[in-house]
Amino acid sequence: MKSPLAGRKVLVVEDDAIIAEAALLLLADLGACAVGPCANVASALAALTEQHIDLALLDVDLHGMRSTAVAMALAERNVPYVAATGHAIAAAMAGAPVIVAKPYTPARLQAALESALAR
């Protein structure tokens, strides 16, 4: 069965190279086109202005900096996103439609991304 993520452009905002690579591999397996990974707020915001994005995977904490500005930019563009965090759910991201706790499995990440896309 074809994934609903197939053919979608998914922005990956993640500062951990290993986690980012795992997400990129999963997206490739699902037929999605990954944009990034972006390891900081500035590069994520730049990617949003340079490309059409269908969905985003957004790490809440990027080297100690909250990714709230990226979440707000995604919301302004009506781009669904999954907020990923290894910390307790941050108040700044409490409005995120879909949250996935780290460490996540590929199956949990896929389910979260598909859920966000379906909203």
N, C-alpha and C. Protein backbone atom coordinates (compact mmCIF):
# COMPACT_ATOMS: atom_id res chain seq x y z
N MET A 1 0.84 -1.19 0.00
CA MET A 1 0.00 0.00 0.00
C MET A 1 0.88 1.25 0.00
N LYS A 2 0.56 2.19 -0.85
CA LYS A 2 1.33 3.41 -0.98
C LYS A 2 1.09 4.33 0.22
N SER A 3 2.15 4.88 0.75
CA SER A 3 2.05 5.79 1.88
C SER A 3 1.46 7.12 1.44
N PRO A 4 0.64 7.77 2.29
CA PRO A 4 0.15 9.10 1.97
C PRO A 4 1.28 10.14 1.91
N LEU A 5 2.46 9.75 2.38
CA LEU A 5 3.61 10.67 2.33
C LEU A 5 4.31 10.64 0.97
N ALA A 6 4.00 9.66 0.14
CA ALA A 6 4.65 9.52 -1.16
C ALA A 6 4.47 10.79 -1.99
N GLY A 7 5.57 11.30 -2.51
CA GLY A 7 5.54 12.48 -3.35
C GLY A 7 5.45 13.80 -2.59
N ARG A 8 5.34 13.76 -1.28
CA ARG A 8 5.23 14.99 -0.47
C ARG A 8 6.62 15.53 -0.14
N LYS A 9 6.72 16.86 -0.08
CA LYS A 9 7.96 17.50 0.35
C LYS A 9 7.89 17.71 1.86
N VAL A 10 8.82 17.07 2.57
CA VAL A 10 8.81 17.10 4.03
C VAL A 10 10.07 17.80 4.52
N LEU A 11 9.88 18.92 5.20
CA LEU A 11 10.99 19.66 5.79
C LEU A 11 11.43 18.95 7.08
N VAL A 12 12.70 18.63 7.17
CA VAL A 12 13.25 17.98 8.36
C VAL A 12 14.10 19.01 9.10
N VAL A 13 13.67 19.37 10.30
CA VAL A 13 14.38 20.32 11.14
C VAL A 13 14.87 19.54 12.36
N GLU A 14 16.15 19.23 12.37
CA GLU A 14 16.73 18.37 13.40
C GLU A 14 18.21 18.68 13.53
N ASP A 15 18.68 18.89 14.77
CA ASP A 15 20.08 19.23 14.99
C ASP A 15 20.98 18.03 15.27
N ASP A 16 20.40 16.87 15.49
CA ASP A 16 21.20 15.67 15.74
C ASP A 16 21.36 14.92 14.41
N ALA A 17 22.59 14.79 13.94
CA ALA A 17 22.85 14.21 12.62
C ALA A 17 22.34 12.78 12.49
N ILE A 18 22.47 11.99 13.54
CA ILE A 18 22.03 10.59 13.48
C ILE A 18 20.51 10.50 13.38
N ILE A 19 19.82 11.30 14.18
CA ILE A 19 18.35 11.30 14.15
C ILE A 19 17.87 11.83 12.79
N ALA A 20 18.53 12.87 12.30
CA ALA A 20 18.15 13.44 11.00
C ALA A 20 18.32 12.41 9.89
N GLU A 21 19.44 11.69 9.90
CA GLU A 21 19.69 10.69 8.87
C GLU A 21 18.65 9.58 8.92
N ALA A 22 18.27 9.16 10.11
CA ALA A 22 17.24 8.12 10.25
C ALA A 22 15.90 8.62 9.68
N ALA A 23 15.57 9.87 9.95
CA ALA A 23 14.33 10.44 9.42
C ALA A 23 14.39 10.53 7.90
N LEU A 24 15.53 10.93 7.36
CA LEU A 24 15.68 11.02 5.90
C LEU A 24 15.51 9.65 5.25
N LEU A 25 16.10 8.63 5.86
CA LEU A 25 15.97 7.28 5.32
C LEU A 25 14.52 6.80 5.34
N LEU A 26 13.82 7.06 6.43
CA LEU A 26 12.42 6.67 6.53
C LEU A 26 11.60 7.39 5.46
N LEU A 27 11.82 8.68 5.31
CA LEU A 27 11.07 9.44 4.31
C LEU A 27 11.33 8.92 2.91
N ALA A 28 12.58 8.59 2.62
CA ALA A 28 12.92 8.03 1.30
C ALA A 28 12.20 6.70 1.09
N ASP A 29 12.17 5.86 2.12
CA ASP A 29 11.49 4.57 2.04
C ASP A 29 9.99 4.74 1.77
N LEU A 30 9.43 5.83 2.26
CA LEU A 30 8.00 6.09 2.11
C LEU A 30 7.68 6.85 0.82
N GLY A 31 8.72 7.19 0.06
CA GLY A 31 8.52 7.89 -1.21
C GLY A 31 8.38 9.39 -1.08
N ALA A 32 8.69 9.92 0.10
CA ALA A 32 8.62 11.37 0.31
C ALA A 32 9.92 12.02 -0.15
N CYS A 33 9.85 13.30 -0.42
CA CYS A 33 11.03 14.08 -0.80
C CYS A 33 11.43 14.93 0.41
N ALA A 34 12.55 14.60 1.01
CA ALA A 34 13.00 15.33 2.20
C ALA A 34 13.67 16.63 1.80
N VAL A 35 13.39 17.66 2.56
CA VAL A 35 14.05 18.96 2.42
C VAL A 35 14.84 19.15 3.69
N GLY A 36 16.13 19.31 3.57
CA GLY A 36 16.99 19.44 4.74
C GLY A 36 17.88 18.22 4.87
N PRO A 37 18.38 17.98 6.03
CA PRO A 37 17.92 18.51 7.32
C PRO A 37 18.46 19.91 7.61
N CYS A 38 17.64 20.67 8.30
CA CYS A 38 18.02 22.00 8.78
C CYS A 38 18.33 21.86 10.27
N ALA A 39 19.51 22.30 10.66
CA ALA A 39 19.94 22.13 12.05
C ALA A 39 19.69 23.35 12.92
N ASN A 40 19.15 24.42 12.34
CA ASN A 40 18.89 25.62 13.13
C ASN A 40 17.68 26.36 12.58
N VAL A 41 17.21 27.31 13.35
CA VAL A 41 16.01 28.07 12.99
C VAL A 41 16.21 28.83 11.69
N ALA A 42 17.35 29.49 11.53
CA ALA A 42 17.59 30.30 10.33
C ALA A 42 17.52 29.47 9.05
N SER A 43 18.16 28.31 9.05
CA SER A 43 18.14 27.50 7.83
C SER A 43 16.75 26.92 7.56
N ALA A 44 16.01 26.62 8.61
CA ALA A 44 14.65 26.12 8.44
C ALA A 44 13.75 27.20 7.85
N LEU A 45 13.86 28.42 8.37
CA LEU A 45 13.06 29.52 7.84
C LEU A 45 13.43 29.82 6.39
N ALA A 46 14.71 29.73 6.06
CA ALA A 46 15.15 29.94 4.69
C ALA A 46 14.55 28.89 3.76
N ALA A 47 14.57 27.64 4.20
CA ALA A 47 14.00 26.56 3.39
C ALA A 47 12.51 26.79 3.14
N LEU A 48 11.82 27.32 4.14
CA LEU A 48 10.39 27.59 3.98
C LEU A 48 10.12 28.66 2.93
N THR A 49 11.01 29.62 2.82
CA THR A 49 10.80 30.68 1.84
C THR A 49 11.26 30.26 0.44
N GLU A 50 12.17 29.29 0.38
CA GLU A 50 12.73 28.88 -0.91
C GLU A 50 11.96 27.76 -1.59
N GLN A 51 11.22 26.96 -0.83
CA GLN A 51 10.56 25.79 -1.40
C GLN A 51 9.14 25.65 -0.90
N HIS A 52 8.34 24.98 -1.71
CA HIS A 52 6.99 24.61 -1.26
C HIS A 52 7.15 23.38 -0.35
N ILE A 53 6.60 23.46 0.84
CA ILE A 53 6.69 22.37 1.81
C ILE A 53 5.27 21.87 2.10
N ASP A 54 5.11 20.53 2.09
CA ASP A 54 3.80 19.94 2.37
C ASP A 54 3.62 19.56 3.84
N LEU A 55 4.74 19.30 4.52
CA LEU A 55 4.71 18.76 5.87
C LEU A 55 6.08 18.98 6.48
N ALA A 56 6.16 19.03 7.82
CA ALA A 56 7.46 19.22 8.46
C ALA A 56 7.59 18.34 9.71
N LEU A 57 8.82 17.93 9.94
CA LEU A 57 9.22 17.26 11.18
C LEU A 57 10.09 18.27 11.91
N LEU A 58 9.65 18.73 13.06
CA LEU A 58 10.27 19.86 13.74
C LEU A 58 10.78 19.47 15.12
N ASP A 59 12.09 19.43 15.27
CA ASP A 59 12.70 19.20 16.58
C ASP A 59 12.41 20.43 17.43
N VAL A 60 11.92 20.24 18.63
CA VAL A 60 11.55 21.35 19.50
C VAL A 60 12.77 22.13 19.97
N ASP A 61 13.85 21.44 20.29
CA ASP A 61 15.05 22.07 20.86
C ASP A 61 16.22 21.90 19.89
N LEU A 62 16.66 23.01 19.31
CA LEU A 62 17.78 23.01 18.37
C LEU A 62 18.99 23.65 19.03
N HIS A 63 19.88 22.83 19.54
CA HIS A 63 21.08 23.31 20.23
C HIS A 63 20.73 24.34 21.30
N GLY A 64 19.70 24.05 22.09
CA GLY A 64 19.31 24.93 23.18
C GLY A 64 18.39 26.06 22.79
N MET A 65 18.04 26.16 21.52
CA MET A 65 17.15 27.22 21.05
C MET A 65 15.81 26.59 20.65
N ARG A 66 14.72 27.13 21.12
CA ARG A 66 13.40 26.63 20.76
C ARG A 66 13.11 26.92 19.28
N SER A 67 12.41 26.02 18.65
CA SER A 67 12.07 26.17 17.23
C SER A 67 10.69 26.79 17.05
N THR A 68 10.26 27.55 18.02
CA THR A 68 8.94 28.18 18.00
C THR A 68 8.73 29.05 16.77
N ALA A 69 9.75 29.79 16.34
CA ALA A 69 9.61 30.66 15.17
C ALA A 69 9.30 29.85 13.92
N VAL A 70 9.88 28.67 13.83
CA VAL A 70 9.61 27.79 12.68
C VAL A 70 8.18 27.26 12.77
N ALA A 71 7.76 26.87 13.96
CA ALA A 71 6.39 26.39 14.14
C ALA A 71 5.38 27.47 13.76
N MET A 72 5.66 28.70 14.15
CA MET A 72 4.77 29.81 13.81
C MET A 72 4.73 30.04 12.30
N ALA A 73 5.88 29.97 11.65
CA ALA A 73 5.95 30.15 10.20
C ALA A 73 5.19 29.04 9.48
N LEU A 74 5.31 27.82 9.97
CA LEU A 74 4.57 26.70 9.39
C LEU A 74 3.07 26.91 9.55
N ALA A 75 2.65 27.33 10.74
CA ALA A 75 1.23 27.56 11.01
C ALA A 75 0.67 28.67 10.11
N GLU A 76 1.45 29.74 9.92
CA GLU A 76 1.02 30.85 9.05
C GLU A 76 0.80 30.37 7.62
N ARG A 77 1.56 29.37 7.20
CA ARG A 77 1.46 28.83 5.83
C ARG A 77 0.50 27.64 5.76
N ASN A 78 -0.14 27.32 6.88
CA ASN A 78 -1.03 26.15 6.97
C ASN A 78 -0.32 24.86 6.59
N VAL A 79 0.95 24.75 6.97
CA VAL A 79 1.72 23.54 6.72
C VAL A 79 1.66 22.69 7.99
N PRO A 80 1.13 21.47 7.90
CA PRO A 80 1.09 20.62 9.08
C PRO A 80 2.50 20.20 9.49
N TYR A 81 2.67 19.97 10.78
CA TYR A 81 3.98 19.55 11.26
C TYR A 81 3.84 18.64 12.47
N VAL A 82 4.92 17.88 12.67
CA VAL A 82 5.05 17.04 13.85
C VAL A 82 6.15 17.64 14.69
N ALA A 83 5.86 17.94 15.95
CA ALA A 83 6.87 18.43 16.88
C ALA A 83 7.50 17.21 17.56
N ALA A 84 8.82 17.11 17.49
CA ALA A 84 9.54 15.99 18.09
C ALA A 84 10.37 16.50 19.25
N THR A 85 10.30 15.80 20.37
CA THR A 85 11.06 16.24 21.54
C THR A 85 11.45 15.07 22.42
N GLY A 86 12.64 15.19 23.01
CA GLY A 86 13.10 14.22 23.98
C GLY A 86 12.86 14.73 25.39
N HIS A 87 12.33 15.93 25.51
CA HIS A 87 12.05 16.56 26.79
C HIS A 87 10.56 16.47 27.09
N ALA A 88 10.19 16.86 28.28
CA ALA A 88 8.77 16.97 28.58
C ALA A 88 8.17 17.92 27.56
N ILE A 89 6.92 17.72 27.23
CA ILE A 89 6.27 18.56 26.24
C ILE A 89 6.40 20.02 26.66
N ALA A 90 7.02 20.78 25.78
CA ALA A 90 7.28 22.19 26.08
C ALA A 90 6.01 23.01 25.92
N ALA A 91 5.83 23.94 26.79
CA ALA A 91 4.65 24.81 26.73
C ALA A 91 4.61 25.56 25.41
N ALA A 92 5.79 25.92 24.88
CA ALA A 92 5.85 26.67 23.63
C ALA A 92 5.33 25.85 22.45
N MET A 93 5.36 24.53 22.56
CA MET A 93 4.91 23.69 21.47
C MET A 93 3.61 22.98 21.81
N ALA A 94 2.98 23.38 22.89
CA ALA A 94 1.75 22.70 23.32
C ALA A 94 0.66 22.80 22.26
N GLY A 95 0.75 23.82 21.39
CA GLY A 95 -0.25 23.98 20.34
C GLY A 95 0.02 23.13 19.12
N ALA A 96 1.12 22.39 19.11
CA ALA A 96 1.43 21.54 17.96
C ALA A 96 0.34 20.50 17.80
N PRO A 97 -0.16 20.33 16.58
CA PRO A 97 -1.23 19.36 16.37
C PRO A 97 -0.80 17.93 16.68
N VAL A 98 0.43 17.57 16.34
CA VAL A 98 0.92 16.21 16.57
C VAL A 98 2.30 16.30 17.21
N ILE A 99 2.49 15.56 18.29
CA ILE A 99 3.77 15.53 18.99
C ILE A 99 4.25 14.09 19.06
N VAL A 100 5.53 13.87 18.78
CA VAL A 100 6.12 12.55 18.91
C VAL A 100 7.30 12.66 19.87
N ALA A 101 7.34 11.76 20.84
CA ALA A 101 8.40 11.77 21.84
C ALA A 101 9.62 11.03 21.32
N LYS A 102 10.79 11.60 21.60
CA LYS A 102 12.05 10.94 21.26
C LYS A 102 12.48 10.11 22.45
N PRO A 103 13.13 9.01 22.24
CA PRO A 103 13.43 8.42 20.94
C PRO A 103 12.18 7.78 20.36
N TYR A 104 11.98 7.95 19.07
CA TYR A 104 10.83 7.36 18.41
C TYR A 104 11.28 6.24 17.48
N THR A 105 10.38 5.33 17.23
CA THR A 105 10.64 4.26 16.28
C THR A 105 10.21 4.75 14.89
N PRO A 106 10.71 4.12 13.84
CA PRO A 106 10.25 4.50 12.50
C PRO A 106 8.72 4.39 12.37
N ALA A 107 8.14 3.37 12.96
CA ALA A 107 6.69 3.19 12.88
C ALA A 107 5.94 4.33 13.57
N ARG A 108 6.43 4.75 14.75
CA ARG A 108 5.78 5.86 15.46
C ARG A 108 5.94 7.17 14.70
N LEU A 109 7.11 7.38 14.11
CA LEU A 109 7.33 8.61 13.34
C LEU A 109 6.43 8.61 12.11
N GLN A 110 6.36 7.49 11.41
CA GLN A 110 5.50 7.41 10.23
C GLN A 110 4.05 7.69 10.61
N ALA A 111 3.58 7.09 11.69
CA ALA A 111 2.20 7.30 12.14
C ALA A 111 1.96 8.77 12.47
N ALA A 112 2.91 9.41 13.14
CA ALA A 112 2.76 10.82 13.51
C ALA A 112 2.71 11.70 12.26
N LEU A 113 3.61 11.46 11.31
CA LEU A 113 3.64 12.24 10.07
C LEU A 113 2.35 12.06 9.27
N GLU A 114 1.88 10.83 9.17
CA GLU A 114 0.65 10.58 8.44
C GLU A 114 -0.56 11.20 9.14
N SER A 115 -0.55 11.19 10.46
CA SER A 115 -1.62 11.82 11.23
C SER A 115 -1.64 13.33 11.01
N ALA A 116 -0.47 13.96 11.03
CA ALA A 116 -0.39 15.40 10.81
C ALA A 116 -0.88 15.76 9.40
N LEU A 117 -0.50 14.96 8.43
CA LEU A 117 -0.88 15.21 7.05
C LEU A 117 -2.40 15.07 6.86
N ALA A 118 -3.01 14.16 7.60
CA ALA A 118 -4.45 13.92 7.46
C ALA A 118 -5.31 15.02 8.08
N ARG A 119 -4.72 15.85 8.92
CA ARG A 119 -5.50 16.89 9.60
C ARG A 119 -5.89 18.02 8.67
